[in-house]
Amino acid sequence: MMMIYHAEAESAQMMEADMMESLNAHMAFRGALTDTNHIGEALQPTVTATTVHVRDGKTLTTDGPFAEAHEQIGGFYLIDCKDMDEALEIATQIPDAQYGTIEIRPVLTFD
């Protein structure tokens, strides 16, 4: 899984033309992955998040993200890569890598 982190406050200040350029870059990136098994989605801003905790059988919901941070998860790609080298190569092609952070995390599989 490749999680895309960026500062929402900075993204909110982007000009519409820059937003469209970023969107088009992601669409091109997704198009280049058509030969691989992948899923990629953008997420709505953290103000739409709801956090759920269950403690001692009681459910507590809180508006907002789990943790406040300078960068937030703005989207993700779930890509079937043969190894970490391929994952690193692909992650460098994600448009947000130029101004945000891409976290690569292998998916845990159970046999």
N, C-alpha and C. Protein backbone atom coordinates (compact mmCIF):
# COMPACT_ATOMS: atom_id res chain seq x y z
N MET A 1 0.86 -1.16 0.00
CA MET A 1 0.00 0.00 0.00
C MET A 1 0.90 1.22 0.00
N MET A 2 0.54 2.19 -0.83
CA MET A 2 1.28 3.44 -0.89
C MET A 2 0.34 4.54 -0.44
N MET A 3 0.58 5.05 0.76
CA MET A 3 -0.27 6.09 1.32
C MET A 3 0.33 7.45 0.99
N ILE A 4 -0.52 8.35 0.54
CA ILE A 4 -0.10 9.67 0.10
C ILE A 4 -0.38 10.67 1.22
N TYR A 5 0.67 11.28 1.73
CA TYR A 5 0.54 12.29 2.78
C TYR A 5 0.85 13.66 2.18
N HIS A 6 0.04 14.64 2.53
CA HIS A 6 0.32 16.02 2.16
C HIS A 6 -0.37 16.93 3.17
N ALA A 7 0.06 18.17 3.21
CA ALA A 7 -0.53 19.13 4.13
C ALA A 7 -1.82 19.67 3.52
N GLU A 8 -2.96 19.35 4.13
CA GLU A 8 -4.25 19.79 3.61
C GLU A 8 -4.33 21.31 3.49
N ALA A 9 -3.75 22.01 4.46
CA ALA A 9 -3.82 23.47 4.44
C ALA A 9 -3.14 24.02 3.18
N GLU A 10 -2.02 23.42 2.80
CA GLU A 10 -1.34 23.86 1.59
C GLU A 10 -2.14 23.49 0.34
N SER A 11 -2.73 22.31 0.33
CA SER A 11 -3.54 21.88 -0.81
C SER A 11 -4.75 22.77 -0.99
N ALA A 12 -5.34 23.21 0.12
CA ALA A 12 -6.52 24.06 0.05
C ALA A 12 -6.21 25.42 -0.56
N GLN A 13 -4.95 25.82 -0.52
CA GLN A 13 -4.55 27.11 -1.06
C GLN A 13 -4.09 27.03 -2.52
N MET A 14 -4.10 25.82 -3.08
CA MET A 14 -3.68 25.67 -4.47
C MET A 14 -4.66 26.36 -5.41
N MET A 15 -4.14 26.94 -6.45
CA MET A 15 -4.98 27.55 -7.48
C MET A 15 -5.71 26.43 -8.22
N GLU A 16 -6.87 26.76 -8.78
CA GLU A 16 -7.66 25.76 -9.48
C GLU A 16 -6.86 25.10 -10.61
N ALA A 17 -6.07 25.86 -11.32
CA ALA A 17 -5.26 25.31 -12.42
C ALA A 17 -4.26 24.29 -11.88
N ASP A 18 -3.67 24.57 -10.71
CA ASP A 18 -2.72 23.64 -10.11
C ASP A 18 -3.43 22.37 -9.64
N MET A 19 -4.65 22.52 -9.12
CA MET A 19 -5.43 21.35 -8.70
C MET A 19 -5.74 20.47 -9.90
N MET A 20 -6.13 21.08 -11.01
CA MET A 20 -6.44 20.31 -12.22
C MET A 20 -5.18 19.63 -12.76
N GLU A 21 -4.04 20.31 -12.67
CA GLU A 21 -2.78 19.72 -13.12
C GLU A 21 -2.45 18.49 -12.27
N SER A 22 -2.66 18.58 -10.96
CA SER A 22 -2.41 17.45 -10.06
C SER A 22 -3.37 16.31 -10.36
N LEU A 23 -4.64 16.63 -10.56
CA LEU A 23 -5.63 15.60 -10.88
C LEU A 23 -5.27 14.91 -12.19
N ASN A 24 -4.90 15.67 -13.19
CA ASN A 24 -4.52 15.09 -14.48
C ASN A 24 -3.28 14.22 -14.35
N ALA A 25 -2.33 14.63 -13.50
CA ALA A 25 -1.13 13.84 -13.29
C ALA A 25 -1.48 12.50 -12.64
N HIS A 26 -2.41 12.51 -11.70
CA HIS A 26 -2.84 11.25 -11.07
C HIS A 26 -3.59 10.36 -12.06
N MET A 27 -4.39 10.96 -12.91
CA MET A 27 -5.12 10.17 -13.90
C MET A 27 -4.13 9.52 -14.88
N ALA A 28 -3.09 10.25 -15.26
CA ALA A 28 -2.07 9.70 -16.14
C ALA A 28 -1.30 8.58 -15.44
N PHE A 29 -0.99 8.79 -14.15
CA PHE A 29 -0.29 7.76 -13.38
C PHE A 29 -1.13 6.50 -13.30
N ARG A 30 -2.42 6.66 -13.00
CA ARG A 30 -3.32 5.50 -12.92
C ARG A 30 -3.41 4.80 -14.26
N GLY A 31 -3.46 5.59 -15.33
CA GLY A 31 -3.52 5.00 -16.66
C GLY A 31 -2.29 4.17 -16.99
N ALA A 32 -1.14 4.60 -16.49
CA ALA A 32 0.10 3.86 -16.73
C ALA A 32 0.13 2.55 -15.97
N LEU A 33 -0.73 2.40 -14.98
CA LEU A 33 -0.77 1.17 -14.17
C LEU A 33 -1.78 0.16 -14.69
N THR A 34 -2.33 0.36 -15.87
CA THR A 34 -3.41 -0.52 -16.34
C THR A 34 -2.97 -1.97 -16.49
N ASP A 35 -1.67 -2.22 -16.65
CA ASP A 35 -1.21 -3.60 -16.80
C ASP A 35 -0.95 -4.28 -15.47
N THR A 36 -1.15 -3.57 -14.37
CA THR A 36 -0.91 -4.15 -13.06
C THR A 36 -2.20 -4.21 -12.27
N ASN A 37 -2.19 -5.02 -11.24
CA ASN A 37 -3.33 -5.12 -10.34
C ASN A 37 -3.21 -3.99 -9.32
N HIS A 38 -4.13 -3.01 -9.37
CA HIS A 38 -4.02 -1.88 -8.46
C HIS A 38 -5.38 -1.27 -8.18
N ILE A 39 -5.42 -0.55 -7.07
CA ILE A 39 -6.57 0.26 -6.68
C ILE A 39 -5.99 1.59 -6.23
N GLY A 40 -6.60 2.68 -6.60
CA GLY A 40 -6.13 3.98 -6.14
C GLY A 40 -7.31 4.91 -5.94
N GLU A 41 -7.33 5.60 -4.84
CA GLU A 41 -8.42 6.52 -4.53
C GLU A 41 -7.91 7.72 -3.76
N ALA A 42 -8.56 8.84 -3.97
CA ALA A 42 -8.32 10.03 -3.16
C ALA A 42 -9.29 10.00 -1.99
N LEU A 43 -8.92 10.63 -0.92
CA LEU A 43 -9.78 10.70 0.26
C LEU A 43 -10.31 12.12 0.43
N GLN A 44 -11.49 12.23 1.03
CA GLN A 44 -12.02 13.55 1.35
C GLN A 44 -11.20 14.15 2.48
N PRO A 45 -11.27 15.47 2.68
CA PRO A 45 -10.47 16.13 3.73
C PRO A 45 -10.75 15.55 5.12
N THR A 46 -9.81 15.76 6.02
CA THR A 46 -9.93 15.19 7.37
C THR A 46 -11.13 15.73 8.15
N VAL A 47 -11.67 16.88 7.76
CA VAL A 47 -12.86 17.39 8.46
C VAL A 47 -14.05 16.45 8.27
N THR A 48 -13.99 15.55 7.30
CA THR A 48 -15.08 14.60 7.08
C THR A 48 -14.86 13.29 7.84
N ALA A 49 -13.71 13.17 8.50
CA ALA A 49 -13.36 11.92 9.19
C ALA A 49 -14.17 11.72 10.46
N THR A 50 -14.41 10.46 10.78
CA THR A 50 -14.98 10.06 12.06
C THR A 50 -14.09 8.96 12.61
N THR A 51 -13.69 9.09 13.85
CA THR A 51 -12.83 8.12 14.50
C THR A 51 -13.68 7.28 15.45
N VAL A 52 -13.47 5.96 15.43
CA VAL A 52 -14.25 5.04 16.25
C VAL A 52 -13.31 4.32 17.22
N HIS A 53 -13.70 4.30 18.49
CA HIS A 53 -12.99 3.55 19.53
C HIS A 53 -14.03 2.70 20.25
N VAL A 54 -13.68 1.46 20.54
CA VAL A 54 -14.53 0.60 21.37
C VAL A 54 -13.70 0.21 22.58
N ARG A 55 -14.17 0.61 23.74
CA ARG A 55 -13.48 0.31 24.99
C ARG A 55 -14.50 -0.24 25.99
N ASP A 56 -14.16 -1.39 26.55
CA ASP A 56 -15.04 -2.03 27.53
C ASP A 56 -16.46 -2.18 26.98
N GLY A 57 -16.56 -2.51 25.70
CA GLY A 57 -17.87 -2.73 25.08
C GLY A 57 -18.63 -1.47 24.72
N LYS A 58 -18.07 -0.31 24.98
CA LYS A 58 -18.75 0.95 24.67
C LYS A 58 -18.09 1.60 23.47
N THR A 59 -18.91 2.09 22.55
CA THR A 59 -18.42 2.73 21.34
C THR A 59 -18.38 4.24 21.52
N LEU A 60 -17.25 4.82 21.19
CA LEU A 60 -17.08 6.26 21.23
C LEU A 60 -16.69 6.72 19.83
N THR A 61 -17.45 7.65 19.30
CA THR A 61 -17.10 8.23 18.00
C THR A 61 -16.72 9.69 18.19
N THR A 62 -15.73 10.11 17.42
CA THR A 62 -15.23 11.47 17.50
C THR A 62 -15.13 12.02 16.08
N ASP A 63 -15.58 13.25 15.90
CA ASP A 63 -15.40 13.88 14.60
C ASP A 63 -13.93 14.22 14.42
N GLY A 64 -13.44 13.99 13.22
CA GLY A 64 -12.07 14.35 12.90
C GLY A 64 -11.15 13.16 12.85
N PRO A 65 -9.90 13.41 12.46
CA PRO A 65 -8.93 12.33 12.30
C PRO A 65 -8.44 11.81 13.65
N PHE A 66 -7.79 10.65 13.61
CA PHE A 66 -7.26 10.02 14.81
C PHE A 66 -6.17 10.86 15.45
N ALA A 67 -5.28 11.41 14.62
CA ALA A 67 -4.17 12.19 15.17
C ALA A 67 -4.01 13.48 14.37
N GLU A 68 -3.66 14.53 15.06
CA GLU A 68 -3.37 15.77 14.36
C GLU A 68 -1.90 15.74 13.96
N ALA A 69 -1.66 16.11 12.72
CA ALA A 69 -0.29 16.08 12.20
C ALA A 69 -0.15 17.16 11.14
N HIS A 70 1.09 17.47 10.80
CA HIS A 70 1.35 18.46 9.76
C HIS A 70 0.85 17.95 8.41
N GLU A 71 1.03 16.66 8.14
CA GLU A 71 0.56 16.06 6.89
C GLU A 71 -0.53 15.03 7.19
N GLN A 72 -1.49 14.94 6.29
CA GLN A 72 -2.58 14.02 6.45
C GLN A 72 -2.59 13.04 5.26
N ILE A 73 -3.25 11.90 5.44
CA ILE A 73 -3.39 10.96 4.34
C ILE A 73 -4.44 11.52 3.39
N GLY A 74 -4.02 11.78 2.16
CA GLY A 74 -4.92 12.34 1.16
C GLY A 74 -5.43 11.32 0.17
N GLY A 75 -4.81 10.16 0.15
CA GLY A 75 -5.22 9.12 -0.77
C GLY A 75 -4.28 7.94 -0.66
N PHE A 76 -4.53 6.95 -1.49
CA PHE A 76 -3.70 5.75 -1.44
C PHE A 76 -3.73 5.02 -2.78
N TYR A 77 -2.74 4.21 -2.99
CA TYR A 77 -2.71 3.24 -4.07
C TYR A 77 -2.39 1.90 -3.46
N LEU A 78 -3.13 0.90 -3.84
CA LEU A 78 -2.85 -0.47 -3.45
C LEU A 78 -2.39 -1.17 -4.72
N ILE A 79 -1.09 -1.45 -4.80
CA ILE A 79 -0.48 -1.94 -6.03
C ILE A 79 0.22 -3.26 -5.75
N ASP A 80 0.00 -4.23 -6.61
CA ASP A 80 0.65 -5.53 -6.50
C ASP A 80 2.06 -5.42 -7.09
N CYS A 81 3.06 -5.34 -6.23
CA CYS A 81 4.46 -5.21 -6.66
C CYS A 81 5.20 -6.51 -6.35
N LYS A 82 6.18 -6.83 -7.19
CA LYS A 82 6.92 -8.08 -6.96
C LYS A 82 7.87 -7.99 -5.77
N ASP A 83 8.37 -6.76 -5.48
CA ASP A 83 9.28 -6.59 -4.35
C ASP A 83 9.36 -5.10 -3.99
N MET A 84 10.15 -4.79 -2.96
CA MET A 84 10.27 -3.42 -2.49
C MET A 84 10.92 -2.52 -3.53
N ASP A 85 11.86 -3.06 -4.30
CA ASP A 85 12.51 -2.25 -5.34
C ASP A 85 11.48 -1.75 -6.35
N GLU A 86 10.57 -2.61 -6.76
CA GLU A 86 9.52 -2.18 -7.70
C GLU A 86 8.59 -1.18 -7.03
N ALA A 87 8.26 -1.41 -5.77
CA ALA A 87 7.38 -0.48 -5.05
C ALA A 87 8.03 0.90 -4.95
N LEU A 88 9.31 0.95 -4.67
CA LEU A 88 10.02 2.23 -4.59
C LEU A 88 10.02 2.94 -5.94
N GLU A 89 10.26 2.19 -7.00
CA GLU A 89 10.26 2.79 -8.33
C GLU A 89 8.90 3.38 -8.67
N ILE A 90 7.84 2.66 -8.35
CA ILE A 90 6.49 3.14 -8.63
C ILE A 90 6.15 4.35 -7.76
N ALA A 91 6.52 4.30 -6.48
CA ALA A 91 6.21 5.39 -5.56
C ALA A 91 6.81 6.72 -6.02
N THR A 92 7.99 6.67 -6.64
CA THR A 92 8.61 7.91 -7.10
C THR A 92 7.83 8.54 -8.24
N GLN A 93 6.95 7.77 -8.89
CA GLN A 93 6.16 8.27 -10.00
C GLN A 93 4.82 8.86 -9.56
N ILE A 94 4.45 8.68 -8.30
CA ILE A 94 3.19 9.25 -7.80
C ILE A 94 3.37 10.76 -7.75
N PRO A 95 2.49 11.52 -8.40
CA PRO A 95 2.66 12.97 -8.48
C PRO A 95 2.91 13.66 -7.15
N ASP A 96 2.27 13.24 -6.08
CA ASP A 96 2.41 13.89 -4.78
C ASP A 96 3.79 13.70 -4.16
N ALA A 97 4.59 12.78 -4.69
CA ALA A 97 5.94 12.58 -4.15
C ALA A 97 6.79 13.82 -4.34
N GLN A 98 6.39 14.70 -5.27
CA GLN A 98 7.14 15.92 -5.53
C GLN A 98 6.98 16.97 -4.44
N TYR A 99 5.87 16.91 -3.67
CA TYR A 99 5.65 17.92 -2.65
C TYR A 99 5.11 17.35 -1.35
N GLY A 100 4.79 16.09 -1.33
CA GLY A 100 4.27 15.44 -0.12
C GLY A 100 5.17 14.26 0.24
N THR A 101 4.57 13.27 0.85
CA THR A 101 5.29 12.08 1.29
C THR A 101 4.51 10.85 0.87
N ILE A 102 5.21 9.84 0.40
CA ILE A 102 4.58 8.57 0.06
C ILE A 102 5.11 7.53 1.05
N GLU A 103 4.22 6.92 1.81
CA GLU A 103 4.61 5.85 2.73
C GLU A 103 4.27 4.53 2.09
N ILE A 104 5.25 3.67 1.96
CA ILE A 104 5.04 2.33 1.40
C ILE A 104 4.95 1.36 2.57
N ARG A 105 3.90 0.57 2.58
CA ARG A 105 3.78 -0.43 3.62
C ARG A 105 3.28 -1.73 3.02
N PRO A 106 4.05 -2.81 3.17
CA PRO A 106 3.59 -4.10 2.64
C PRO A 106 2.30 -4.54 3.32
N VAL A 107 1.43 -5.15 2.53
CA VAL A 107 0.17 -5.67 3.06
C VAL A 107 0.45 -7.03 3.69
N LEU A 108 -0.06 -7.23 4.87
CA LEU A 108 0.11 -8.50 5.58
C LEU A 108 -0.89 -9.49 5.02
N THR A 109 -0.39 -10.61 4.55
CA THR A 109 -1.29 -11.64 3.99
C THR A 109 -1.28 -12.84 4.91
N PHE A 110 -2.42 -13.47 4.99
CA PHE A 110 -2.58 -14.66 5.82
C PHE A 110 -2.82 -15.85 4.91
N ASP A 111 -2.11 -16.93 5.15
CA ASP A 111 -2.31 -18.14 4.35
C ASP A 111 -3.42 -18.99 4.92
